[in-house]
N, C-alpha and C. Protein backbone atom coordinates (compact mmCIF):
# COMPACT_ATOMS: atom_id res chain seq x y z
N MET A 1 -6.19 -11.75 -13.24
CA MET A 1 -6.08 -10.41 -12.99
C MET A 1 -5.37 -9.73 -14.15
N PRO A 2 -5.92 -8.67 -14.74
CA PRO A 2 -5.23 -7.93 -15.86
C PRO A 2 -4.11 -7.09 -15.34
N PHE A 3 -2.97 -7.07 -16.01
CA PHE A 3 -1.84 -6.26 -15.52
C PHE A 3 -1.75 -5.06 -16.47
N GLY A 4 -1.89 -3.85 -15.85
CA GLY A 4 -1.94 -2.61 -16.66
C GLY A 4 -0.64 -1.87 -16.61
N ALA A 5 -0.79 -0.50 -16.56
CA ALA A 5 0.39 0.37 -16.68
C ALA A 5 1.36 0.20 -15.56
N LYS A 6 0.92 -0.10 -14.39
CA LYS A 6 1.82 -0.19 -13.26
C LYS A 6 2.38 -1.64 -13.07
N LEU A 7 1.60 -2.60 -13.43
CA LEU A 7 1.99 -4.00 -13.23
C LEU A 7 2.05 -4.75 -14.52
N ARG A 8 3.15 -5.53 -14.77
CA ARG A 8 3.27 -6.27 -15.98
C ARG A 8 3.94 -7.59 -15.63
N LEU A 9 3.33 -8.68 -16.02
CA LEU A 9 3.92 -9.96 -15.73
C LEU A 9 5.29 -10.14 -16.49
N VAL A 10 6.33 -10.53 -15.76
CA VAL A 10 7.65 -10.65 -16.33
C VAL A 10 7.80 -12.02 -17.09
N LYS A 11 7.43 -13.08 -16.49
CA LYS A 11 7.46 -14.42 -17.14
C LYS A 11 6.30 -15.16 -16.59
N SER A 12 5.82 -16.16 -17.42
CA SER A 12 4.66 -16.94 -16.99
C SER A 12 5.02 -18.12 -16.18
N LYS A 13 6.28 -18.57 -16.20
CA LYS A 13 6.69 -19.74 -15.41
C LYS A 13 6.65 -19.42 -13.91
N PRO A 14 6.22 -20.33 -13.05
CA PRO A 14 6.26 -20.09 -11.63
C PRO A 14 7.66 -20.04 -11.01
N PHE A 15 7.84 -19.08 -10.17
CA PHE A 15 9.09 -18.87 -9.48
C PHE A 15 8.95 -19.26 -8.00
N ALA A 16 10.01 -19.73 -7.35
CA ALA A 16 9.99 -19.86 -5.89
C ALA A 16 10.30 -18.51 -5.28
N SER A 17 9.97 -18.26 -4.04
CA SER A 17 10.13 -17.00 -3.42
C SER A 17 11.63 -16.57 -3.38
N GLU A 18 12.52 -17.54 -3.10
CA GLU A 18 13.89 -17.18 -3.02
C GLU A 18 14.54 -16.88 -4.40
N GLU A 19 13.91 -17.49 -5.47
CA GLU A 19 14.30 -17.10 -6.82
C GLU A 19 13.92 -15.66 -7.10
N TYR A 20 12.70 -15.32 -6.68
CA TYR A 20 12.25 -13.95 -6.86
C TYR A 20 13.21 -12.98 -6.12
N LEU A 21 13.53 -13.27 -4.90
CA LEU A 21 14.37 -12.37 -4.08
C LEU A 21 15.72 -12.20 -4.73
N LYS A 22 16.35 -13.32 -5.24
CA LYS A 22 17.66 -13.15 -5.90
C LYS A 22 17.53 -12.29 -7.11
N PHE A 23 16.44 -12.53 -7.91
CA PHE A 23 16.19 -11.73 -9.10
C PHE A 23 16.00 -10.29 -8.76
N GLU A 24 15.18 -10.00 -7.70
CA GLU A 24 14.84 -8.65 -7.37
C GLU A 24 16.00 -7.84 -6.83
N ARG A 25 16.85 -8.53 -6.04
CA ARG A 25 18.01 -7.77 -5.45
C ARG A 25 19.02 -7.38 -6.50
N GLU A 26 19.00 -8.04 -7.60
CA GLU A 26 19.93 -7.79 -8.70
C GLU A 26 19.32 -6.84 -9.77
N ALA A 27 18.00 -6.61 -9.71
CA ALA A 27 17.25 -5.89 -10.77
C ALA A 27 17.41 -4.40 -10.51
N GLU A 28 17.37 -3.65 -11.62
CA GLU A 28 17.43 -2.19 -11.58
C GLU A 28 16.04 -1.57 -11.30
N GLU A 29 15.01 -2.32 -11.70
CA GLU A 29 13.64 -1.90 -11.46
C GLU A 29 12.94 -2.72 -10.46
N ARG A 30 11.83 -2.18 -9.88
CA ARG A 30 11.17 -2.92 -8.82
C ARG A 30 10.11 -3.87 -9.43
N HIS A 31 9.95 -5.02 -8.70
CA HIS A 31 9.01 -6.08 -9.08
C HIS A 31 8.32 -6.56 -7.85
N GLU A 32 7.04 -6.93 -7.94
CA GLU A 32 6.39 -7.60 -6.85
C GLU A 32 6.29 -9.06 -7.24
N PHE A 33 5.95 -9.89 -6.20
CA PHE A 33 5.88 -11.34 -6.37
C PHE A 33 4.54 -11.82 -5.71
N ILE A 34 3.75 -12.53 -6.57
CA ILE A 34 2.52 -13.02 -6.00
C ILE A 34 2.21 -14.40 -6.56
N ASP A 35 2.18 -15.37 -5.70
CA ASP A 35 1.85 -16.75 -6.02
C ASP A 35 2.64 -17.30 -7.19
N GLY A 36 3.90 -17.13 -7.09
CA GLY A 36 4.87 -17.68 -8.12
C GLY A 36 5.10 -16.79 -9.30
N LYS A 37 4.44 -15.60 -9.38
CA LYS A 37 4.56 -14.76 -10.52
C LYS A 37 5.39 -13.52 -10.15
N ILE A 38 6.32 -13.11 -11.06
CA ILE A 38 7.07 -11.83 -10.83
C ILE A 38 6.47 -10.81 -11.71
N ILE A 39 6.13 -9.62 -11.11
CA ILE A 39 5.38 -8.64 -11.79
C ILE A 39 6.17 -7.33 -11.76
N LYS A 40 6.43 -6.72 -12.96
CA LYS A 40 7.18 -5.46 -13.00
C LYS A 40 6.27 -4.29 -12.66
N MET A 41 6.81 -3.40 -11.87
CA MET A 41 6.14 -2.15 -11.47
C MET A 41 6.55 -1.06 -12.34
N ALA A 42 5.69 -0.28 -12.92
CA ALA A 42 6.04 0.81 -13.80
C ALA A 42 6.01 2.16 -12.99
N GLY A 43 6.06 3.27 -13.67
CA GLY A 43 6.07 4.56 -13.03
C GLY A 43 4.70 4.91 -12.46
N GLU A 44 4.72 6.09 -11.75
CA GLU A 44 3.51 6.54 -11.13
C GLU A 44 3.09 7.93 -11.65
N SER A 45 1.85 8.27 -11.53
CA SER A 45 1.37 9.58 -11.98
C SER A 45 1.77 10.67 -10.99
N LEU A 46 1.54 11.91 -11.39
CA LEU A 46 1.81 13.01 -10.49
C LEU A 46 0.98 12.96 -9.22
N ALA A 47 -0.33 12.68 -9.35
CA ALA A 47 -1.19 12.60 -8.21
C ALA A 47 -0.76 11.49 -7.26
N HIS A 48 -0.42 10.33 -7.80
CA HIS A 48 0.10 9.24 -7.01
C HIS A 48 1.31 9.57 -6.21
N SER A 49 2.25 10.30 -6.86
CA SER A 49 3.50 10.72 -6.22
C SER A 49 3.23 11.77 -5.12
N GLN A 50 2.32 12.71 -5.44
CA GLN A 50 1.96 13.74 -4.41
C GLN A 50 1.32 13.18 -3.14
N ILE A 51 0.47 12.25 -3.38
CA ILE A 51 -0.21 11.61 -2.22
C ILE A 51 0.69 10.85 -1.41
N SER A 52 1.57 10.06 -2.06
CA SER A 52 2.52 9.24 -1.33
C SER A 52 3.50 10.10 -0.53
N PHE A 53 3.94 11.17 -1.14
CA PHE A 53 4.89 12.09 -0.43
C PHE A 53 4.18 12.70 0.81
N SER A 54 2.94 13.18 0.59
CA SER A 54 2.15 13.74 1.71
C SER A 54 1.95 12.77 2.83
N LEU A 55 1.64 11.50 2.45
CA LEU A 55 1.49 10.51 3.57
C LEU A 55 2.76 10.27 4.34
N SER A 56 3.89 10.26 3.68
CA SER A 56 5.16 10.06 4.35
C SER A 56 5.41 11.24 5.29
N GLY A 57 5.15 12.49 4.89
CA GLY A 57 5.39 13.64 5.74
C GLY A 57 4.38 13.66 6.89
N ILE A 58 3.23 13.36 6.68
CA ILE A 58 2.15 13.34 7.74
C ILE A 58 2.53 12.32 8.82
N PHE A 59 2.87 11.13 8.43
CA PHE A 59 3.15 10.09 9.40
C PHE A 59 4.57 10.20 10.06
N TYR A 60 5.45 10.83 9.36
CA TYR A 60 6.75 11.15 9.97
C TYR A 60 6.49 12.04 11.20
N ASN A 61 5.68 13.09 11.08
CA ASN A 61 5.36 14.01 12.19
C ASN A 61 4.54 13.34 13.25
N GLN A 62 3.49 12.57 12.78
CA GLN A 62 2.57 11.98 13.79
C GLN A 62 3.21 10.95 14.66
N LEU A 63 4.27 10.29 14.07
CA LEU A 63 4.87 9.12 14.85
C LEU A 63 6.15 9.47 15.57
N LEU A 64 6.51 10.77 15.58
CA LEU A 64 7.82 11.11 16.19
C LEU A 64 7.92 10.66 17.68
N ASN A 65 6.89 10.75 18.42
CA ASN A 65 6.95 10.45 19.85
C ASN A 65 6.25 9.08 20.15
N LYS A 66 6.18 8.21 19.17
CA LYS A 66 5.59 6.95 19.35
C LYS A 66 6.61 5.84 19.07
N SER A 67 6.18 4.61 19.38
CA SER A 67 7.08 3.49 19.14
C SER A 67 6.98 2.93 17.73
N CYS A 68 6.22 3.64 16.89
CA CYS A 68 5.97 3.20 15.52
C CYS A 68 6.79 4.09 14.56
N GLN A 69 7.00 3.59 13.32
CA GLN A 69 7.75 4.39 12.33
C GLN A 69 7.27 4.00 10.95
N GLY A 70 7.28 4.97 10.05
CA GLY A 70 6.96 4.74 8.62
C GLY A 70 8.18 4.33 7.87
N LEU A 71 7.97 3.53 6.80
CA LEU A 71 9.09 3.02 5.91
C LEU A 71 8.73 3.37 4.52
N SER A 72 9.73 3.62 3.72
CA SER A 72 9.54 4.14 2.36
C SER A 72 9.03 3.07 1.45
N PRO A 73 8.51 3.52 0.25
CA PRO A 73 8.02 2.49 -0.72
C PRO A 73 9.02 1.51 -1.22
N ASN A 74 10.31 1.69 -0.87
CA ASN A 74 11.28 0.79 -1.32
C ASN A 74 11.45 -0.43 -0.37
N MET A 75 10.72 -0.42 0.68
CA MET A 75 10.69 -1.59 1.60
C MET A 75 9.69 -2.60 1.17
N LYS A 76 10.16 -3.80 0.97
CA LYS A 76 9.19 -4.85 0.66
C LYS A 76 8.54 -5.38 1.91
N VAL A 77 7.35 -5.92 1.72
CA VAL A 77 6.59 -6.63 2.79
C VAL A 77 6.27 -8.02 2.32
N ARG A 78 6.43 -8.99 3.21
CA ARG A 78 6.16 -10.39 2.84
C ARG A 78 5.09 -11.04 3.72
N THR A 79 4.24 -11.85 3.22
CA THR A 79 3.33 -12.58 3.95
C THR A 79 3.95 -13.87 4.50
N THR A 80 3.24 -14.52 5.51
CA THR A 80 3.84 -15.67 6.23
C THR A 80 4.13 -16.85 5.32
N THR A 81 3.32 -17.12 4.30
CA THR A 81 3.55 -18.22 3.40
C THR A 81 4.57 -17.92 2.27
N LYS A 82 4.97 -16.69 2.26
CA LYS A 82 5.89 -16.21 1.21
C LYS A 82 5.27 -16.20 -0.14
N SER A 83 3.91 -16.18 -0.13
CA SER A 83 3.20 -16.11 -1.45
C SER A 83 3.15 -14.74 -2.02
N LEU A 84 3.42 -13.73 -1.20
CA LEU A 84 3.31 -12.34 -1.65
C LEU A 84 4.52 -11.52 -1.10
N PHE A 85 5.20 -10.87 -2.00
CA PHE A 85 6.24 -9.85 -1.70
C PHE A 85 5.78 -8.58 -2.37
N ALA A 86 5.55 -7.54 -1.62
CA ALA A 86 4.98 -6.36 -2.36
C ALA A 86 5.71 -5.09 -1.74
N TYR A 87 5.53 -4.03 -2.54
CA TYR A 87 6.03 -2.70 -2.14
C TYR A 87 4.87 -1.74 -1.82
N PRO A 88 4.39 -1.69 -0.56
CA PRO A 88 3.32 -0.72 -0.27
C PRO A 88 3.76 0.69 -0.47
N ASP A 89 2.83 1.56 -0.70
CA ASP A 89 3.15 3.02 -0.87
C ASP A 89 3.60 3.59 0.42
N LEU A 90 3.13 3.10 1.52
CA LEU A 90 3.64 3.43 2.85
C LEU A 90 3.34 2.30 3.81
N VAL A 91 4.31 1.82 4.59
CA VAL A 91 4.08 0.82 5.61
C VAL A 91 4.57 1.40 6.94
N ILE A 92 3.74 1.09 7.97
CA ILE A 92 4.11 1.47 9.31
C ILE A 92 4.29 0.29 10.16
N VAL A 93 5.39 0.24 10.94
CA VAL A 93 5.72 -0.85 11.79
C VAL A 93 5.84 -0.35 13.19
N CYS A 94 5.39 -1.05 14.19
CA CYS A 94 5.44 -0.65 15.59
C CYS A 94 6.33 -1.65 16.39
N GLY A 95 7.13 -1.09 17.29
CA GLY A 95 8.12 -1.87 17.97
C GLY A 95 9.28 -2.18 17.05
N ALA A 96 9.99 -3.25 17.35
CA ALA A 96 11.12 -3.63 16.60
C ALA A 96 10.72 -4.26 15.21
N PRO A 97 11.21 -3.74 14.12
CA PRO A 97 10.97 -4.36 12.83
C PRO A 97 11.53 -5.75 12.78
N LYS A 98 10.78 -6.68 12.12
CA LYS A 98 11.26 -8.01 11.92
C LYS A 98 11.39 -8.27 10.43
N PHE A 99 12.44 -8.98 10.02
CA PHE A 99 12.79 -9.12 8.60
C PHE A 99 12.92 -10.54 8.17
N HIS A 100 12.80 -10.73 6.84
CA HIS A 100 12.86 -12.06 6.20
C HIS A 100 14.25 -12.63 6.36
N ASP A 101 15.33 -11.82 6.31
CA ASP A 101 16.68 -12.32 6.41
C ASP A 101 17.54 -11.25 6.82
N VAL A 102 18.86 -11.48 6.84
CA VAL A 102 19.85 -10.51 7.36
C VAL A 102 20.00 -9.32 6.51
N LYS A 103 19.54 -9.31 5.26
CA LYS A 103 19.56 -8.08 4.39
C LYS A 103 18.64 -7.01 4.84
N LYS A 104 17.63 -7.37 5.66
CA LYS A 104 16.71 -6.43 6.18
C LYS A 104 16.02 -5.50 5.11
N ASP A 105 15.67 -6.11 3.99
CA ASP A 105 14.91 -5.43 3.02
C ASP A 105 13.54 -5.94 2.73
N VAL A 106 13.09 -6.91 3.62
CA VAL A 106 11.78 -7.45 3.48
C VAL A 106 11.15 -7.54 4.91
N LEU A 107 10.18 -6.65 5.16
CA LEU A 107 9.56 -6.56 6.45
C LEU A 107 8.51 -7.66 6.61
N ILE A 108 8.41 -8.31 7.77
CA ILE A 108 7.40 -9.32 7.97
C ILE A 108 6.37 -8.95 9.05
N ASN A 109 6.53 -7.83 9.74
CA ASN A 109 5.55 -7.44 10.78
C ASN A 109 4.94 -6.05 10.58
N PRO A 110 4.38 -5.80 9.44
CA PRO A 110 3.76 -4.42 9.27
C PRO A 110 2.54 -4.26 10.12
N LYS A 111 2.34 -3.09 10.62
CA LYS A 111 1.12 -2.78 11.39
C LYS A 111 0.04 -2.09 10.52
N ILE A 112 0.49 -1.22 9.65
CA ILE A 112 -0.42 -0.45 8.76
C ILE A 112 0.15 -0.49 7.39
N ILE A 113 -0.72 -0.75 6.42
CA ILE A 113 -0.34 -0.69 5.02
C ILE A 113 -1.16 0.30 4.28
N PHE A 114 -0.54 1.21 3.52
CA PHE A 114 -1.24 2.18 2.65
C PHE A 114 -0.99 1.75 1.17
N GLU A 115 -2.01 1.80 0.37
CA GLU A 115 -1.82 1.65 -1.05
C GLU A 115 -2.57 2.79 -1.72
N VAL A 116 -1.93 3.48 -2.58
CA VAL A 116 -2.45 4.60 -3.40
C VAL A 116 -2.99 3.94 -4.68
N LEU A 117 -4.26 4.02 -4.91
CA LEU A 117 -4.87 3.22 -6.08
C LEU A 117 -4.59 3.97 -7.40
N SER A 118 -4.46 3.11 -8.38
CA SER A 118 -4.42 3.63 -9.75
C SER A 118 -5.31 2.74 -10.61
N PRO A 119 -5.74 3.14 -11.75
CA PRO A 119 -6.68 2.39 -12.60
C PRO A 119 -6.15 0.93 -12.85
N SER A 120 -4.91 0.79 -13.08
CA SER A 120 -4.35 -0.49 -13.44
C SER A 120 -4.14 -1.42 -12.24
N THR A 121 -4.19 -0.93 -11.05
CA THR A 121 -3.88 -1.76 -9.87
C THR A 121 -5.02 -1.82 -8.91
N GLU A 122 -6.03 -1.07 -9.08
CA GLU A 122 -7.14 -1.00 -8.08
C GLU A 122 -7.73 -2.41 -7.82
N ARG A 123 -8.03 -3.12 -8.81
CA ARG A 123 -8.64 -4.46 -8.58
C ARG A 123 -7.67 -5.39 -7.84
N TYR A 124 -6.45 -5.29 -8.23
CA TYR A 124 -5.35 -6.12 -7.58
C TYR A 124 -5.22 -5.73 -6.11
N ASP A 125 -5.17 -4.43 -5.81
CA ASP A 125 -5.02 -3.97 -4.46
C ASP A 125 -6.18 -4.29 -3.54
N ARG A 126 -7.38 -4.16 -4.13
CA ARG A 126 -8.61 -4.41 -3.36
C ARG A 126 -8.80 -5.95 -3.22
N GLY A 127 -8.42 -6.73 -4.20
CA GLY A 127 -8.77 -8.11 -4.23
C GLY A 127 -7.66 -9.01 -3.76
N GLU A 128 -6.93 -9.59 -4.76
CA GLU A 128 -5.91 -10.69 -4.45
C GLU A 128 -4.90 -10.25 -3.39
N LYS A 129 -4.40 -9.03 -3.56
CA LYS A 129 -3.39 -8.60 -2.59
C LYS A 129 -3.93 -8.46 -1.20
N PHE A 130 -5.09 -7.92 -1.10
CA PHE A 130 -5.65 -7.75 0.26
C PHE A 130 -5.97 -9.13 0.92
N GLN A 131 -6.40 -10.06 0.05
CA GLN A 131 -6.67 -11.40 0.66
C GLN A 131 -5.42 -12.03 1.28
N TYR A 132 -4.29 -11.84 0.56
CA TYR A 132 -3.07 -12.38 1.13
C TYR A 132 -2.64 -11.60 2.40
N TYR A 133 -2.82 -10.32 2.39
CA TYR A 133 -2.38 -9.49 3.49
C TYR A 133 -3.24 -9.90 4.75
N LYS A 134 -4.56 -9.94 4.58
CA LYS A 134 -5.43 -10.11 5.83
C LYS A 134 -5.39 -11.55 6.30
N ASN A 135 -5.13 -12.55 5.38
CA ASN A 135 -5.07 -13.92 5.79
C ASN A 135 -3.67 -14.41 6.27
N GLU A 136 -2.64 -13.73 5.82
CA GLU A 136 -1.28 -14.21 6.08
C GLU A 136 -0.36 -13.16 6.67
N THR A 137 -0.92 -12.22 7.35
CA THR A 137 -0.09 -11.13 7.97
C THR A 137 -0.63 -10.87 9.34
N PRO A 138 -0.36 -11.69 10.40
CA PRO A 138 -0.95 -11.58 11.66
C PRO A 138 -0.76 -10.18 12.34
N SER A 139 0.34 -9.49 12.02
CA SER A 139 0.60 -8.21 12.66
C SER A 139 -0.24 -7.03 12.08
N LEU A 140 -0.86 -7.25 10.95
CA LEU A 140 -1.52 -6.17 10.19
C LEU A 140 -2.82 -5.78 10.93
N ALA A 141 -2.98 -4.49 11.28
CA ALA A 141 -4.12 -4.01 11.95
C ALA A 141 -5.08 -3.17 11.04
N ASP A 142 -4.48 -2.45 10.06
CA ASP A 142 -5.27 -1.60 9.16
C ASP A 142 -4.62 -1.69 7.76
N TYR A 143 -5.57 -1.81 6.79
CA TYR A 143 -5.19 -1.76 5.34
C TYR A 143 -5.97 -0.61 4.78
N ILE A 144 -5.23 0.41 4.28
CA ILE A 144 -5.85 1.67 3.87
C ILE A 144 -5.63 1.94 2.39
N LEU A 145 -6.69 2.16 1.68
CA LEU A 145 -6.64 2.48 0.19
C LEU A 145 -6.94 3.95 0.00
N VAL A 146 -6.11 4.57 -0.79
CA VAL A 146 -6.24 5.99 -1.06
C VAL A 146 -6.46 6.24 -2.53
N SER A 147 -7.62 6.80 -2.92
CA SER A 147 -7.85 7.01 -4.33
C SER A 147 -6.96 8.24 -4.76
N GLN A 148 -6.63 8.25 -6.07
CA GLN A 148 -5.80 9.40 -6.55
C GLN A 148 -6.62 10.25 -7.52
N ASP A 149 -7.87 9.87 -7.89
CA ASP A 149 -8.61 10.66 -8.83
C ASP A 149 -9.86 11.26 -8.15
N GLN A 150 -10.05 11.10 -6.86
CA GLN A 150 -11.06 11.73 -6.09
C GLN A 150 -10.68 11.70 -4.64
N ILE A 151 -11.41 12.52 -3.84
CA ILE A 151 -11.10 12.41 -2.33
C ILE A 151 -11.83 11.25 -1.84
N LEU A 152 -11.10 10.15 -1.57
CA LEU A 152 -11.72 8.95 -1.01
C LEU A 152 -10.60 8.12 -0.38
N VAL A 153 -10.80 7.87 0.95
CA VAL A 153 -9.87 7.04 1.67
C VAL A 153 -10.72 5.91 2.25
N GLU A 154 -10.37 4.67 2.01
CA GLU A 154 -11.09 3.47 2.47
C GLU A 154 -10.19 2.71 3.49
N GLN A 155 -10.78 2.35 4.59
CA GLN A 155 -9.98 1.76 5.68
C GLN A 155 -10.59 0.41 6.07
N PHE A 156 -9.78 -0.62 6.13
CA PHE A 156 -10.14 -1.90 6.60
C PHE A 156 -9.42 -2.16 7.87
N THR A 157 -10.12 -2.36 9.00
CA THR A 157 -9.53 -2.52 10.30
C THR A 157 -9.85 -3.87 10.86
N LYS A 158 -8.83 -4.63 11.32
CA LYS A 158 -9.10 -5.92 11.85
C LYS A 158 -9.70 -5.84 13.27
N GLN A 159 -10.73 -6.68 13.44
CA GLN A 159 -11.45 -6.72 14.70
C GLN A 159 -10.93 -7.88 15.58
N GLU A 160 -11.35 -7.93 16.81
CA GLU A 160 -10.94 -8.98 17.69
C GLU A 160 -11.29 -10.42 17.28
N ASN A 161 -12.42 -10.55 16.52
CA ASN A 161 -12.85 -11.85 16.00
C ASN A 161 -12.23 -12.20 14.62
N GLU A 162 -11.20 -11.39 14.21
CA GLU A 162 -10.48 -11.58 12.96
C GLU A 162 -11.27 -11.12 11.71
N SER A 163 -12.48 -10.56 11.90
CA SER A 163 -13.17 -9.96 10.78
C SER A 163 -12.58 -8.62 10.56
N TRP A 164 -12.96 -7.95 9.35
CA TRP A 164 -12.41 -6.64 9.04
C TRP A 164 -13.55 -5.67 8.87
N LEU A 165 -13.41 -4.51 9.59
CA LEU A 165 -14.44 -3.53 9.58
C LEU A 165 -14.07 -2.53 8.43
N TYR A 166 -15.03 -2.17 7.58
CA TYR A 166 -14.83 -1.23 6.50
C TYR A 166 -15.36 0.12 6.87
N ARG A 167 -14.58 1.20 6.68
CA ARG A 167 -15.01 2.60 6.81
C ARG A 167 -14.45 3.40 5.68
N SER A 168 -15.15 4.47 5.28
CA SER A 168 -14.58 5.32 4.26
C SER A 168 -14.85 6.81 4.58
N CYS A 169 -13.96 7.67 3.97
CA CYS A 169 -14.03 9.14 4.16
C CYS A 169 -14.01 9.66 2.81
N SER A 170 -14.79 10.74 2.48
CA SER A 170 -14.83 11.27 1.12
C SER A 170 -14.88 12.75 1.07
N LYS A 171 -14.67 13.47 2.16
CA LYS A 171 -14.66 14.92 2.14
C LYS A 171 -13.34 15.47 2.66
N ALA A 172 -12.97 16.60 2.15
CA ALA A 172 -11.64 17.22 2.60
C ALA A 172 -11.57 17.41 4.07
N GLU A 173 -12.73 17.73 4.68
CA GLU A 173 -12.74 17.96 6.16
C GLU A 173 -12.90 16.76 6.97
N ASP A 174 -13.08 15.58 6.39
CA ASP A 174 -13.17 14.35 7.08
C ASP A 174 -11.82 13.98 7.76
N ILE A 175 -11.92 13.16 8.76
CA ILE A 175 -10.71 12.76 9.54
C ILE A 175 -10.56 11.26 9.45
N LEU A 176 -9.36 10.81 9.04
CA LEU A 176 -9.06 9.42 9.04
C LEU A 176 -8.55 9.08 10.42
N ARG A 177 -9.22 8.25 11.16
CA ARG A 177 -8.82 7.82 12.48
C ARG A 177 -8.23 6.40 12.43
N ILE A 178 -7.00 6.26 12.91
CA ILE A 178 -6.36 4.91 13.01
C ILE A 178 -6.11 4.60 14.45
N GLU A 179 -7.04 3.94 15.07
CA GLU A 179 -7.00 3.67 16.49
C GLU A 179 -5.81 2.82 16.88
N SER A 180 -5.34 1.95 16.07
CA SER A 180 -4.31 1.02 16.42
C SER A 180 -2.96 1.72 16.69
N ILE A 181 -2.83 2.94 16.10
CA ILE A 181 -1.59 3.71 16.42
C ILE A 181 -1.97 5.11 16.97
N GLU A 182 -3.26 5.28 17.30
CA GLU A 182 -3.72 6.53 17.91
C GLU A 182 -3.33 7.75 17.13
N VAL A 183 -3.72 7.79 15.82
CA VAL A 183 -3.38 8.85 14.94
C VAL A 183 -4.66 9.30 14.23
N GLU A 184 -4.81 10.62 14.05
CA GLU A 184 -5.88 11.18 13.25
C GLU A 184 -5.31 12.11 12.15
N VAL A 185 -5.86 11.99 10.93
CA VAL A 185 -5.37 12.74 9.81
C VAL A 185 -6.46 13.40 9.03
N LEU A 186 -6.33 14.62 8.77
CA LEU A 186 -7.36 15.33 7.86
C LEU A 186 -7.09 14.89 6.44
N LEU A 187 -8.14 14.57 5.75
CA LEU A 187 -8.02 14.16 4.33
C LEU A 187 -7.48 15.29 3.48
N GLN A 188 -7.74 16.59 3.81
CA GLN A 188 -7.20 17.68 3.01
C GLN A 188 -5.72 17.73 3.10
N ASP A 189 -5.08 17.17 4.11
CA ASP A 189 -3.62 17.13 4.22
C ASP A 189 -3.05 16.02 3.31
N ILE A 190 -3.82 14.90 3.21
CA ILE A 190 -3.39 13.86 2.30
C ILE A 190 -3.43 14.24 0.87
N TYR A 191 -4.38 15.12 0.49
CA TYR A 191 -4.60 15.50 -0.85
C TYR A 191 -4.07 16.90 -1.19
N LEU A 192 -3.09 17.33 -0.36
CA LEU A 192 -2.49 18.64 -0.55
C LEU A 192 -1.85 18.69 -1.99
N ARG A 193 -2.15 19.75 -2.75
CA ARG A 193 -1.63 20.05 -4.07
C ARG A 193 -2.18 19.11 -5.17
N VAL A 194 -3.00 18.22 -4.87
CA VAL A 194 -3.54 17.28 -5.86
C VAL A 194 -4.64 17.97 -6.66
N THR A 195 -4.53 18.01 -7.96
CA THR A 195 -5.62 18.54 -8.86
C THR A 195 -6.33 17.42 -9.47
N PHE A 196 -7.62 17.29 -9.29
CA PHE A 196 -8.42 16.21 -9.88
C PHE A 196 -8.90 16.58 -11.24
N PRO A 197 -9.07 15.57 -12.11
CA PRO A 197 -9.52 15.85 -13.51
C PRO A 197 -10.91 16.44 -13.50
N GLN A 198 -11.15 17.44 -14.34
CA GLN A 198 -12.41 18.09 -14.43
C GLN A 198 -13.39 17.18 -15.12
N ALA A 199 -14.62 17.03 -14.63
CA ALA A 199 -15.64 16.19 -15.25
C ALA A 199 -16.08 16.90 -16.52
N GLU A 200 -16.38 16.18 -17.53
CA GLU A 200 -16.76 16.71 -18.79
C GLU A 200 -18.20 17.27 -18.66
N ILE A 201 -18.43 18.46 -19.09
CA ILE A 201 -19.75 19.15 -19.04
C ILE A 201 -20.43 19.09 -20.38
N LEU A 202 -21.61 18.38 -20.42
CA LEU A 202 -22.33 18.24 -21.64
C LEU A 202 -23.33 19.37 -21.77
N THR A 203 -23.40 19.98 -22.90
CA THR A 203 -24.41 21.02 -23.13
C THR A 203 -25.17 20.71 -24.42
N GLU A 204 -26.39 21.21 -24.41
CA GLU A 204 -27.22 20.96 -25.60
C GLU A 204 -26.96 21.99 -26.65
N GLU A 205 -26.86 21.59 -27.88
CA GLU A 205 -26.56 22.48 -28.97
C GLU A 205 -27.88 23.12 -29.43
């Protein structure tokens, strides 16, 4: 996997998960951990920040009277084999949160995970990361990818037979339906204030 603007490999030597946690809890910057590798996370674009903030506000209001809650991007999520420690852009947990240890900074029972895609992380979020989430996170019901350069929300929902159903929405008036938490969201609310790059117009001379 190539590491771009958001993700950068810190060292090539394999680390144990507890080595990563000790390193991360003392670090001033955020890092993810995947299969023995510690990866530095860089800054985010304006659109990425706007979408993440909108998602937080939307789900704060939607979950007020439910047994579920959203957690900020500073909350780490861990898979059962401890092969992945990641910082989702938004994580929703239902019922009592369960944690890796007494520090309560690593969640192990996420219900919904949102990732806002960027050019440097899209392949990682769609591929390797999702494989760990879906195979090693029994509590996960929905994995949702949100594009930042176009209106596009992609939803992977776990079925009773453990397969994952794919659905996508691509219009401002479309509704993202998350049955596992009984929530519906207009895409135009997710993309509030986001300005997309203008496509280049070619003209004949």
